[in-house]
Amino acid sequence: MGLVGIGERASALGGTAWTGAHGGEFIVDVTLPWVVAGDESAASATTVTP
């Protein structure tokens, strides 16, 4: 599974995954669609920034 599995799972859910070195650190960045249950007006995914 590993990093390839993370990318496959993200893709299966309509998201993206990026892994690699950045600024001397190893980063795993996964973006997944966020849809609020019952919100029929959500035509596309919304990005949520913590």
Protein backbone atom coordinates (compact mmCIF):
# COMPACT_ATOMS: atom_id res chain seq x y z
CA MET A 1 0.00 0.00 0.00
CA GLY A 2 2.22 2.84 1.19
CA LEU A 3 2.40 6.10 -0.73
CA VAL A 4 0.98 4.57 -3.92
CA GLY A 5 -2.02 3.34 -1.93
CA ILE A 6 -2.61 6.82 -0.51
CA GLY A 7 -2.74 8.24 -4.05
CA GLU A 8 -5.04 5.47 -5.26
CA ARG A 9 -7.46 5.95 -2.36
CA ALA A 10 -7.50 9.72 -2.77
CA SER A 11 -8.17 9.36 -6.50
CA ALA A 12 -10.97 6.84 -5.90
CA LEU A 13 -12.69 9.43 -3.69
CA GLY A 14 -12.30 12.24 -6.24
CA GLY A 15 -9.28 13.81 -4.56
CA THR A 16 -5.55 14.19 -5.13
CA ALA A 17 -2.39 13.22 -3.28
CA TRP A 18 1.10 14.68 -3.49
CA THR A 19 4.17 13.34 -1.72
CA GLY A 20 7.72 14.60 -1.79
CA ALA A 21 10.46 16.61 -0.21
CA HIS A 22 9.88 20.29 0.51
CA GLY A 23 12.03 22.58 2.62
CA GLY A 24 14.02 19.70 4.13
CA GLU A 25 10.89 17.81 5.19
CA PHE A 26 8.90 15.01 3.60
CA ILE A 27 5.33 16.08 2.90
CA VAL A 28 2.18 14.03 2.32
CA ASP A 29 -0.56 16.36 1.08
CA VAL A 30 -3.99 14.87 0.40
CA THR A 31 -7.01 16.85 -0.82
CA LEU A 32 -10.46 15.26 -0.70
CA PRO A 33 -13.83 16.64 -1.78
CA TRP A 34 -15.91 18.01 1.09
CA VAL A 35 -19.66 17.89 0.59
CA VAL A 36 -22.10 18.69 3.38
CA ALA A 37 -24.79 16.03 3.73
CA GLY A 38 -28.13 17.29 2.47
CA ASP A 39 -26.62 20.21 0.56
CA GLU A 40 -28.01 19.62 -2.92
CA SER A 41 -26.55 22.90 -4.21
CA ALA A 42 -22.99 21.57 -3.89
CA ALA A 43 -22.11 21.15 -7.55
CA SER A 44 -18.38 20.76 -6.87
CA ALA A 45 -15.99 20.07 -4.05
CA THR A 46 -15.14 22.81 -1.56
CA THR A 47 -11.60 23.33 -0.28
CA VAL A 48 -11.39 23.52 3.50
CA THR A 49 -8.30 25.06 5.06
CA PRO A 50 -7.69 24.16 8.71
